[in-house]
Amino acid sequence: MKHRLILVIISIFLSACGSDFTVKNDPYRLNGSWVANCYQDGQFFFNVRAFNFLGDSWSSTTDVYSDVNCSKAISINSTTRGKFNLGDSIITESGVTAIELNLNIQFLDGVDLGAEGSIKKFDLIKVENNQLYIGEYVSSFQRPTKLDFNTIYYRQ
């Protein structure tokens, strides 16, 4: 009986620590799955992109379509994954507060780039009302200065 009581008390403390750990290590509530609305990418293609964040790992899949409703899939799709960290809070060109997102792409479409060959991408994010906004693309090597409010990622 004494051992059961000790196990119950230890379990309570461990579960309390677990929930505190999640809050402290995900202050922007980024962890989870996010899926974008159908958006135009270039002149002829439309995309649906999904991001998954967990701890310091991330992955992304992009499905490509030929129509504005994203109903006619074409064979081009992309998968990337790697590690990430969050940087400083900044004020964008439009006056909105965003967080620096630093991505380290280690796997690109099944190819292991390795730690030495990994690609670094600098971005911005804002999480608000279960919606994720990312930076308006400039280049892979330059951090955006504003957020793209036309492409919205919804928490799943």
N, C-alpha and C. Protein backbone atom coordinates (compact mmCIF):
# COMPACT_ATOMS: atom_id res chain seq x y z
N MET A 1 0.82 -1.19 0.00
CA MET A 1 0.00 0.00 0.00
C MET A 1 0.87 1.26 0.00
N LYS A 2 1.93 1.24 0.80
CA LYS A 2 2.83 2.39 0.89
C LYS A 2 3.50 2.66 -0.47
N HIS A 3 3.87 1.59 -1.18
CA HIS A 3 4.52 1.74 -2.49
C HIS A 3 3.55 2.33 -3.51
N ARG A 4 2.28 1.95 -3.46
CA ARG A 4 1.29 2.50 -4.38
C ARG A 4 1.13 4.00 -4.16
N LEU A 5 1.08 4.41 -2.91
CA LEU A 5 0.92 5.82 -2.59
C LEU A 5 2.11 6.63 -3.11
N ILE A 6 3.30 6.10 -2.95
CA ILE A 6 4.51 6.78 -3.45
C ILE A 6 4.46 6.87 -4.97
N LEU A 7 4.03 5.80 -5.65
CA LEU A 7 3.93 5.83 -7.11
C LEU A 7 2.90 6.85 -7.57
N VAL A 8 1.79 6.96 -6.88
CA VAL A 8 0.76 7.95 -7.24
C VAL A 8 1.32 9.37 -7.09
N ILE A 9 2.00 9.63 -5.98
CA ILE A 9 2.57 10.96 -5.75
C ILE A 9 3.61 11.29 -6.81
N ILE A 10 4.48 10.36 -7.13
CA ILE A 10 5.50 10.57 -8.16
C ILE A 10 4.84 10.84 -9.51
N SER A 11 3.78 10.09 -9.83
CA SER A 11 3.07 10.29 -11.10
C SER A 11 2.47 11.68 -11.19
N ILE A 12 1.92 12.16 -10.09
CA ILE A 12 1.33 13.50 -10.09
C ILE A 12 2.40 14.55 -10.34
N PHE A 13 3.55 14.41 -9.67
CA PHE A 13 4.63 15.38 -9.87
C PHE A 13 5.16 15.33 -11.30
N LEU A 14 5.31 14.13 -11.86
CA LEU A 14 5.81 14.01 -13.23
C LEU A 14 4.84 14.60 -14.23
N SER A 15 3.55 14.38 -14.05
CA SER A 15 2.58 14.93 -14.99
C SER A 15 2.54 16.45 -14.87
N ALA A 16 2.69 16.98 -13.70
CA ALA A 16 2.73 18.44 -13.52
C ALA A 16 3.96 19.01 -14.21
N CYS A 17 5.09 18.34 -14.10
CA CYS A 17 6.31 18.80 -14.76
C CYS A 17 6.15 18.76 -16.26
N GLY A 18 5.48 17.73 -16.76
CA GLY A 18 5.28 17.59 -18.19
C GLY A 18 4.50 18.74 -18.77
N SER A 19 3.43 19.15 -18.14
CA SER A 19 2.63 20.25 -18.68
C SER A 19 3.40 21.56 -18.58
N ASP A 20 4.15 21.78 -17.51
CA ASP A 20 4.95 22.99 -17.36
C ASP A 20 6.02 23.04 -18.43
N PHE A 21 6.62 21.90 -18.75
CA PHE A 21 7.66 21.82 -19.76
C PHE A 21 7.11 22.29 -21.11
N THR A 22 5.92 21.85 -21.46
CA THR A 22 5.33 22.22 -22.74
C THR A 22 5.11 23.72 -22.82
N VAL A 23 4.58 24.31 -21.78
CA VAL A 23 4.30 25.74 -21.80
C VAL A 23 5.60 26.54 -21.90
N LYS A 24 6.60 26.18 -21.12
CA LYS A 24 7.85 26.93 -21.12
C LYS A 24 8.60 26.81 -22.44
N ASN A 25 8.53 25.64 -23.10
CA ASN A 25 9.30 25.42 -24.31
C ASN A 25 8.52 25.72 -25.59
N ASP A 26 7.30 26.16 -25.49
CA ASP A 26 6.51 26.52 -26.66
C ASP A 26 5.71 27.78 -26.36
N PRO A 27 6.39 28.87 -26.03
CA PRO A 27 5.67 30.08 -25.61
C PRO A 27 4.82 30.70 -26.71
N TYR A 28 5.12 30.40 -27.99
CA TYR A 28 4.35 30.97 -29.09
C TYR A 28 3.30 29.99 -29.63
N ARG A 29 3.18 28.83 -28.98
CA ARG A 29 2.22 27.79 -29.36
C ARG A 29 2.41 27.36 -30.82
N LEU A 30 3.66 27.14 -31.20
CA LEU A 30 3.99 26.74 -32.56
C LEU A 30 3.87 25.22 -32.74
N ASN A 31 4.15 24.44 -31.69
CA ASN A 31 4.11 22.99 -31.81
C ASN A 31 2.76 22.52 -32.34
N GLY A 32 2.81 21.61 -33.30
CA GLY A 32 1.59 21.04 -33.86
C GLY A 32 1.64 21.03 -35.37
N SER A 33 0.50 20.71 -35.96
CA SER A 33 0.36 20.64 -37.42
C SER A 33 -0.41 21.85 -37.93
N TRP A 34 0.06 22.38 -39.03
CA TRP A 34 -0.52 23.58 -39.66
C TRP A 34 -0.69 23.31 -41.14
N VAL A 35 -1.86 23.63 -41.70
CA VAL A 35 -2.11 23.42 -43.13
C VAL A 35 -2.61 24.73 -43.74
N ALA A 36 -2.03 25.09 -44.89
CA ALA A 36 -2.38 26.35 -45.55
C ALA A 36 -3.59 26.19 -46.45
N ASN A 37 -4.26 27.30 -46.65
CA ASN A 37 -5.28 27.35 -47.68
C ASN A 37 -4.59 27.22 -49.04
N CYS A 38 -5.34 26.90 -50.06
CA CYS A 38 -4.81 26.79 -51.42
C CYS A 38 -4.33 28.18 -51.85
N TYR A 39 -3.09 28.27 -52.30
CA TYR A 39 -2.54 29.56 -52.72
C TYR A 39 -1.76 29.44 -54.02
N GLN A 40 -1.71 30.52 -54.77
CA GLN A 40 -1.01 30.53 -56.05
C GLN A 40 0.49 30.67 -55.82
N ASP A 41 1.25 29.86 -56.54
CA ASP A 41 2.72 29.90 -56.46
C ASP A 41 3.24 30.03 -57.89
N GLY A 42 3.57 31.20 -58.28
CA GLY A 42 4.01 31.43 -59.65
C GLY A 42 2.81 31.66 -60.56
N GLN A 43 3.06 31.57 -61.85
CA GLN A 43 2.01 31.90 -62.82
C GLN A 43 1.04 30.75 -63.06
N PHE A 44 1.51 29.49 -62.94
CA PHE A 44 0.68 28.36 -63.38
C PHE A 44 0.32 27.37 -62.28
N PHE A 45 0.89 27.46 -61.10
CA PHE A 45 0.70 26.43 -60.09
C PHE A 45 0.04 26.96 -58.83
N PHE A 46 -0.62 26.06 -58.12
CA PHE A 46 -1.27 26.35 -56.85
C PHE A 46 -0.81 25.30 -55.84
N ASN A 47 -0.62 25.72 -54.59
CA ASN A 47 -0.06 24.81 -53.58
C ASN A 47 -0.96 24.68 -52.36
N VAL A 48 -0.81 23.54 -51.71
CA VAL A 48 -1.29 23.34 -50.35
C VAL A 48 -0.08 22.85 -49.58
N ARG A 49 0.32 23.61 -48.57
CA ARG A 49 1.52 23.27 -47.79
C ARG A 49 1.12 22.97 -46.36
N ALA A 50 1.78 22.00 -45.78
CA ALA A 50 1.57 21.66 -44.37
C ALA A 50 2.91 21.74 -43.64
N PHE A 51 2.89 22.31 -42.45
CA PHE A 51 4.05 22.35 -41.57
C PHE A 51 3.74 21.57 -40.31
N ASN A 52 4.74 20.88 -39.79
CA ASN A 52 4.65 20.21 -38.50
C ASN A 52 5.84 20.65 -37.66
N PHE A 53 5.57 21.12 -36.46
CA PHE A 53 6.62 21.53 -35.53
C PHE A 53 6.48 20.71 -34.26
N LEU A 54 7.59 20.18 -33.78
CA LEU A 54 7.59 19.44 -32.52
C LEU A 54 8.96 19.60 -31.87
N GLY A 55 8.97 20.24 -30.70
CA GLY A 55 10.25 20.49 -30.02
C GLY A 55 11.11 21.39 -30.88
N ASP A 56 12.28 20.87 -31.32
CA ASP A 56 13.15 21.66 -32.20
C ASP A 56 13.20 21.08 -33.61
N SER A 57 12.25 20.18 -33.93
CA SER A 57 12.19 19.56 -35.26
C SER A 57 11.00 20.10 -36.04
N TRP A 58 11.14 20.13 -37.35
CA TRP A 58 10.05 20.57 -38.22
C TRP A 58 10.06 19.76 -39.49
N SER A 59 8.91 19.72 -40.15
CA SER A 59 8.81 19.11 -41.47
C SER A 59 7.76 19.88 -42.26
N SER A 60 7.86 19.77 -43.57
CA SER A 60 6.93 20.46 -44.45
C SER A 60 6.67 19.60 -45.68
N THR A 61 5.41 19.55 -46.10
CA THR A 61 5.06 18.91 -47.36
C THR A 61 4.30 19.93 -48.21
N THR A 62 4.58 19.93 -49.48
CA THR A 62 3.89 20.82 -50.40
C THR A 62 3.32 19.99 -51.53
N ASP A 63 2.01 20.07 -51.71
CA ASP A 63 1.34 19.41 -52.83
C ASP A 63 1.01 20.47 -53.86
N VAL A 64 1.26 20.16 -55.13
CA VAL A 64 1.11 21.13 -56.21
C VAL A 64 -0.09 20.75 -57.07
N TYR A 65 -0.86 21.78 -57.44
CA TYR A 65 -2.08 21.59 -58.22
C TYR A 65 -2.07 22.51 -59.43
N SER A 66 -2.91 22.17 -60.41
CA SER A 66 -2.97 22.97 -61.64
C SER A 66 -4.15 23.93 -61.66
N ASP A 67 -4.98 23.91 -60.60
CA ASP A 67 -6.17 24.75 -60.61
C ASP A 67 -6.30 25.55 -59.32
N VAL A 68 -7.07 26.62 -59.37
CA VAL A 68 -7.24 27.55 -58.26
C VAL A 68 -7.94 26.91 -57.06
N ASN A 69 -8.67 25.83 -57.24
CA ASN A 69 -9.35 25.14 -56.14
C ASN A 69 -8.50 24.04 -55.51
N CYS A 70 -7.29 23.83 -56.06
CA CYS A 70 -6.40 22.76 -55.59
C CYS A 70 -7.12 21.41 -55.59
N SER A 71 -7.78 21.11 -56.70
CA SER A 71 -8.47 19.84 -56.83
C SER A 71 -7.83 18.93 -57.87
N LYS A 72 -7.00 19.48 -58.76
CA LYS A 72 -6.34 18.70 -59.81
C LYS A 72 -4.85 18.61 -59.50
N ALA A 73 -4.50 17.56 -58.77
CA ALA A 73 -3.10 17.39 -58.35
C ALA A 73 -2.23 17.04 -59.55
N ILE A 74 -1.02 17.57 -59.52
CA ILE A 74 -0.02 17.16 -60.50
C ILE A 74 1.10 16.45 -59.74
N SER A 75 1.98 15.81 -60.43
CA SER A 75 2.93 14.91 -59.78
C SER A 75 4.05 15.60 -59.00
N ILE A 76 4.11 16.91 -59.06
CA ILE A 76 5.18 17.61 -58.34
C ILE A 76 4.75 17.82 -56.89
N ASN A 77 5.51 17.28 -55.96
CA ASN A 77 5.32 17.61 -54.55
C ASN A 77 6.67 17.54 -53.85
N SER A 78 6.76 18.18 -52.72
CA SER A 78 8.05 18.35 -52.06
C SER A 78 7.92 18.08 -50.57
N THR A 79 8.94 17.46 -50.01
CA THR A 79 8.99 17.21 -48.57
C THR A 79 10.34 17.67 -48.05
N THR A 80 10.31 18.45 -46.97
CA THR A 80 11.54 18.90 -46.34
C THR A 80 11.40 18.70 -44.83
N ARG A 81 12.55 18.55 -44.17
CA ARG A 81 12.53 18.47 -42.71
C ARG A 81 13.90 18.81 -42.16
N GLY A 82 13.90 19.11 -40.86
CA GLY A 82 15.15 19.46 -40.21
C GLY A 82 14.91 19.98 -38.81
N LYS A 83 15.78 20.85 -38.37
CA LYS A 83 15.71 21.46 -37.04
C LYS A 83 15.39 22.94 -37.18
N PHE A 84 14.88 23.53 -36.10
CA PHE A 84 14.59 24.95 -36.13
C PHE A 84 14.82 25.55 -34.76
N ASN A 85 14.95 26.87 -34.73
CA ASN A 85 14.92 27.61 -33.47
C ASN A 85 14.28 28.96 -33.72
N LEU A 86 13.79 29.52 -32.65
CA LEU A 86 13.14 30.83 -32.72
C LEU A 86 14.10 31.88 -32.22
N GLY A 87 14.11 33.01 -32.91
CA GLY A 87 14.99 34.11 -32.54
C GLY A 87 14.24 35.20 -31.80
N ASP A 88 14.58 36.40 -32.12
CA ASP A 88 14.03 37.58 -31.44
C ASP A 88 12.66 37.97 -31.98
N SER A 89 11.96 38.71 -31.19
CA SER A 89 10.72 39.35 -31.59
C SER A 89 11.09 40.62 -32.33
N ILE A 90 10.48 40.85 -33.50
CA ILE A 90 10.80 42.04 -34.28
C ILE A 90 9.51 42.73 -34.73
N ILE A 91 9.64 43.96 -35.13
CA ILE A 91 8.53 44.71 -35.71
C ILE A 91 8.72 44.69 -37.23
N THR A 92 7.71 44.21 -37.96
CA THR A 92 7.80 44.13 -39.42
C THR A 92 7.58 45.50 -40.05
N GLU A 93 7.76 45.56 -41.37
CA GLU A 93 7.56 46.81 -42.13
C GLU A 93 6.17 47.40 -41.90
N SER A 94 5.18 46.51 -41.73
CA SER A 94 3.80 46.98 -41.56
C SER A 94 3.46 47.29 -40.11
N GLY A 95 4.44 47.13 -39.20
CA GLY A 95 4.22 47.45 -37.79
C GLY A 95 3.72 46.28 -36.95
N VAL A 96 3.60 45.11 -37.54
CA VAL A 96 3.14 43.92 -36.83
C VAL A 96 4.34 43.25 -36.15
N THR A 97 4.13 42.74 -34.93
CA THR A 97 5.19 42.01 -34.22
C THR A 97 5.24 40.58 -34.73
N ALA A 98 6.43 40.11 -35.06
CA ALA A 98 6.66 38.74 -35.53
C ALA A 98 7.88 38.17 -34.80
N ILE A 99 8.07 36.88 -34.96
CA ILE A 99 9.19 36.17 -34.33
C ILE A 99 10.10 35.63 -35.44
N GLU A 100 11.40 35.76 -35.24
CA GLU A 100 12.36 35.19 -36.19
C GLU A 100 12.31 33.66 -36.12
N LEU A 101 12.22 33.03 -37.27
CA LEU A 101 12.24 31.57 -37.39
C LEU A 101 13.46 31.19 -38.20
N ASN A 102 14.34 30.38 -37.62
CA ASN A 102 15.56 29.94 -38.28
C ASN A 102 15.44 28.45 -38.57
N LEU A 103 15.34 28.10 -39.85
CA LEU A 103 15.18 26.72 -40.28
C LEU A 103 16.51 26.16 -40.76
N ASN A 104 16.76 24.92 -40.39
CA ASN A 104 17.92 24.19 -40.88
C ASN A 104 17.37 22.99 -41.65
N ILE A 105 17.43 23.04 -42.98
CA ILE A 105 16.89 21.97 -43.83
C ILE A 105 17.94 20.87 -43.93
N GLN A 106 17.61 19.71 -43.37
CA GLN A 106 18.55 18.59 -43.37
C GLN A 106 18.17 17.50 -44.37
N PHE A 107 16.88 17.42 -44.71
CA PHE A 107 16.39 16.45 -45.68
C PHE A 107 15.51 17.19 -46.67
N LEU A 108 15.80 17.01 -47.96
CA LEU A 108 15.05 17.68 -49.01
C LEU A 108 14.65 16.65 -50.06
N ASP A 109 13.35 16.38 -50.14
CA ASP A 109 12.82 15.39 -51.09
C ASP A 109 13.55 14.06 -51.01
N GLY A 110 13.77 13.58 -49.79
CA GLY A 110 14.39 12.27 -49.57
C GLY A 110 15.90 12.27 -49.58
N VAL A 111 16.53 13.38 -49.88
CA VAL A 111 17.99 13.45 -49.92
C VAL A 111 18.48 13.98 -48.58
N ASP A 112 19.36 13.21 -47.94
CA ASP A 112 19.96 13.61 -46.66
C ASP A 112 21.10 14.57 -46.96
N LEU A 113 20.90 15.81 -46.58
CA LEU A 113 21.92 16.82 -46.83
C LEU A 113 23.03 16.78 -45.79
N GLY A 114 22.81 16.05 -44.70
CA GLY A 114 23.80 15.95 -43.64
C GLY A 114 23.96 17.26 -42.90
N ALA A 115 24.62 17.19 -41.77
CA ALA A 115 24.81 18.38 -40.95
C ALA A 115 25.66 19.43 -41.67
N GLU A 116 26.64 18.99 -42.42
CA GLU A 116 27.53 19.93 -43.11
C GLU A 116 26.89 20.53 -44.36
N GLY A 117 26.03 19.75 -45.03
CA GLY A 117 25.45 20.22 -46.28
C GLY A 117 24.07 20.83 -46.12
N SER A 118 23.61 20.96 -44.88
CA SER A 118 22.26 21.45 -44.66
C SER A 118 22.11 22.89 -45.15
N ILE A 119 20.87 23.23 -45.46
CA ILE A 119 20.54 24.56 -45.98
C ILE A 119 19.88 25.36 -44.86
N LYS A 120 20.30 26.57 -44.68
CA LYS A 120 19.70 27.43 -43.66
C LYS A 120 18.73 28.39 -44.35
N LYS A 121 17.56 28.54 -43.74
CA LYS A 121 16.55 29.46 -44.26
C LYS A 121 16.08 30.34 -43.11
N PHE A 122 15.99 31.62 -43.38
CA PHE A 122 15.60 32.59 -42.36
C PHE A 122 14.21 33.12 -42.68
N ASP A 123 13.32 33.08 -41.69
CA ASP A 123 11.93 33.44 -41.93
C ASP A 123 11.36 34.20 -40.75
N LEU A 124 10.09 34.54 -40.83
CA LEU A 124 9.34 35.17 -39.75
C LEU A 124 8.06 34.38 -39.54
N ILE A 125 7.54 34.40 -38.31
CA ILE A 125 6.25 33.79 -38.05
C ILE A 125 5.44 34.66 -37.09
N LYS A 126 4.15 34.44 -37.13
CA LYS A 126 3.23 35.02 -36.15
C LYS A 126 2.12 34.00 -35.96
N VAL A 127 1.86 33.64 -34.69
CA VAL A 127 0.77 32.73 -34.36
C VAL A 127 -0.30 33.54 -33.65
N GLU A 128 -1.52 33.47 -34.18
CA GLU A 128 -2.61 34.25 -33.61
C GLU A 128 -3.93 33.54 -33.90
N ASN A 129 -4.72 33.30 -32.86
CA ASN A 129 -6.04 32.68 -33.01
C ASN A 129 -5.99 31.38 -33.81
N ASN A 130 -5.04 30.50 -33.48
CA ASN A 130 -4.87 29.20 -34.16
C ASN A 130 -4.58 29.35 -35.65
N GLN A 131 -4.00 30.48 -36.02
CA GLN A 131 -3.56 30.71 -37.39
C GLN A 131 -2.08 31.06 -37.36
N LEU A 132 -1.35 30.52 -38.34
CA LEU A 132 0.08 30.77 -38.46
C LEU A 132 0.31 31.56 -39.74
N TYR A 133 1.08 32.63 -39.62
CA TYR A 133 1.48 33.43 -40.77
C TYR A 133 2.99 33.34 -40.86
N ILE A 134 3.49 33.21 -42.08
CA ILE A 134 4.94 33.17 -42.26
C ILE A 134 5.36 34.38 -43.10
N GLY A 135 6.66 34.59 -43.21
CA GLY A 135 7.17 35.75 -43.91
C GLY A 135 6.89 35.70 -45.41
N GLU A 136 6.78 36.88 -45.98
CA GLU A 136 6.63 37.00 -47.43
C GLU A 136 7.98 36.70 -48.06
N TYR A 137 8.04 35.73 -48.95
CA TYR A 137 9.29 35.22 -49.49
C TYR A 137 10.11 36.31 -50.17
N VAL A 138 11.39 36.36 -49.81
CA VAL A 138 12.36 37.24 -50.45
C VAL A 138 13.40 36.37 -51.15
N SER A 139 14.11 35.57 -50.37
CA SER A 139 15.03 34.55 -50.86
C SER A 139 15.32 33.61 -49.70
N SER A 140 15.88 32.47 -49.99
CA SER A 140 16.17 31.50 -48.93
C SER A 140 17.21 32.02 -47.95
N PHE A 141 18.04 32.94 -48.39
CA PHE A 141 19.15 33.38 -47.56
C PHE A 141 18.93 34.74 -46.92
N GLN A 142 17.76 35.32 -47.15
CA GLN A 142 17.47 36.64 -46.59
C GLN A 142 16.16 36.58 -45.82
N ARG A 143 16.17 37.08 -44.60
CA ARG A 143 14.96 37.08 -43.78
C ARG A 143 13.96 38.09 -44.33
N PRO A 144 12.69 37.70 -44.45
CA PRO A 144 11.67 38.64 -44.90
C PRO A 144 11.52 39.80 -43.91
N THR A 145 10.94 40.87 -44.36
CA THR A 145 10.70 42.03 -43.49
C THR A 145 9.21 42.25 -43.25
N LYS A 146 8.37 41.40 -43.88
CA LYS A 146 6.94 41.48 -43.63
C LYS A 146 6.31 40.09 -43.72
N LEU A 147 5.13 39.97 -43.15
CA LEU A 147 4.41 38.70 -43.13
C LEU A 147 3.48 38.60 -44.34
N ASP A 148 3.25 37.36 -44.78
CA ASP A 148 2.31 37.09 -45.87
C ASP A 148 0.95 36.77 -45.26
N PHE A 149 0.03 37.72 -45.30
CA PHE A 149 -1.30 37.53 -44.73
C PHE A 149 -2.27 36.92 -45.73
N ASN A 150 -1.82 36.64 -46.96
CA ASN A 150 -2.67 35.99 -47.96
C ASN A 150 -2.65 34.47 -47.84
N THR A 151 -1.57 33.93 -47.31
CA THR A 151 -1.47 32.49 -47.11
C THR A 151 -1.56 32.22 -45.62
N ILE A 152 -2.65 31.61 -45.21
CA ILE A 152 -2.91 31.36 -43.80
C ILE A 152 -2.79 29.86 -43.53
N TYR A 153 -2.03 29.53 -42.49
CA TYR A 153 -1.89 28.14 -42.05
C TYR A 153 -2.79 27.95 -40.84
N TYR A 154 -3.65 26.93 -40.89
CA TYR A 154 -4.60 26.69 -39.82
C TYR A 154 -4.14 25.52 -38.96
N ARG A 155 -4.23 25.67 -37.65
CA ARG A 155 -3.86 24.60 -36.72
C ARG A 155 -4.81 23.42 -36.93
N GLN A 156 -4.25 22.23 -37.02
CA GLN A 156 -5.07 21.02 -37.21
C GLN A 156 -5.34 20.33 -35.89
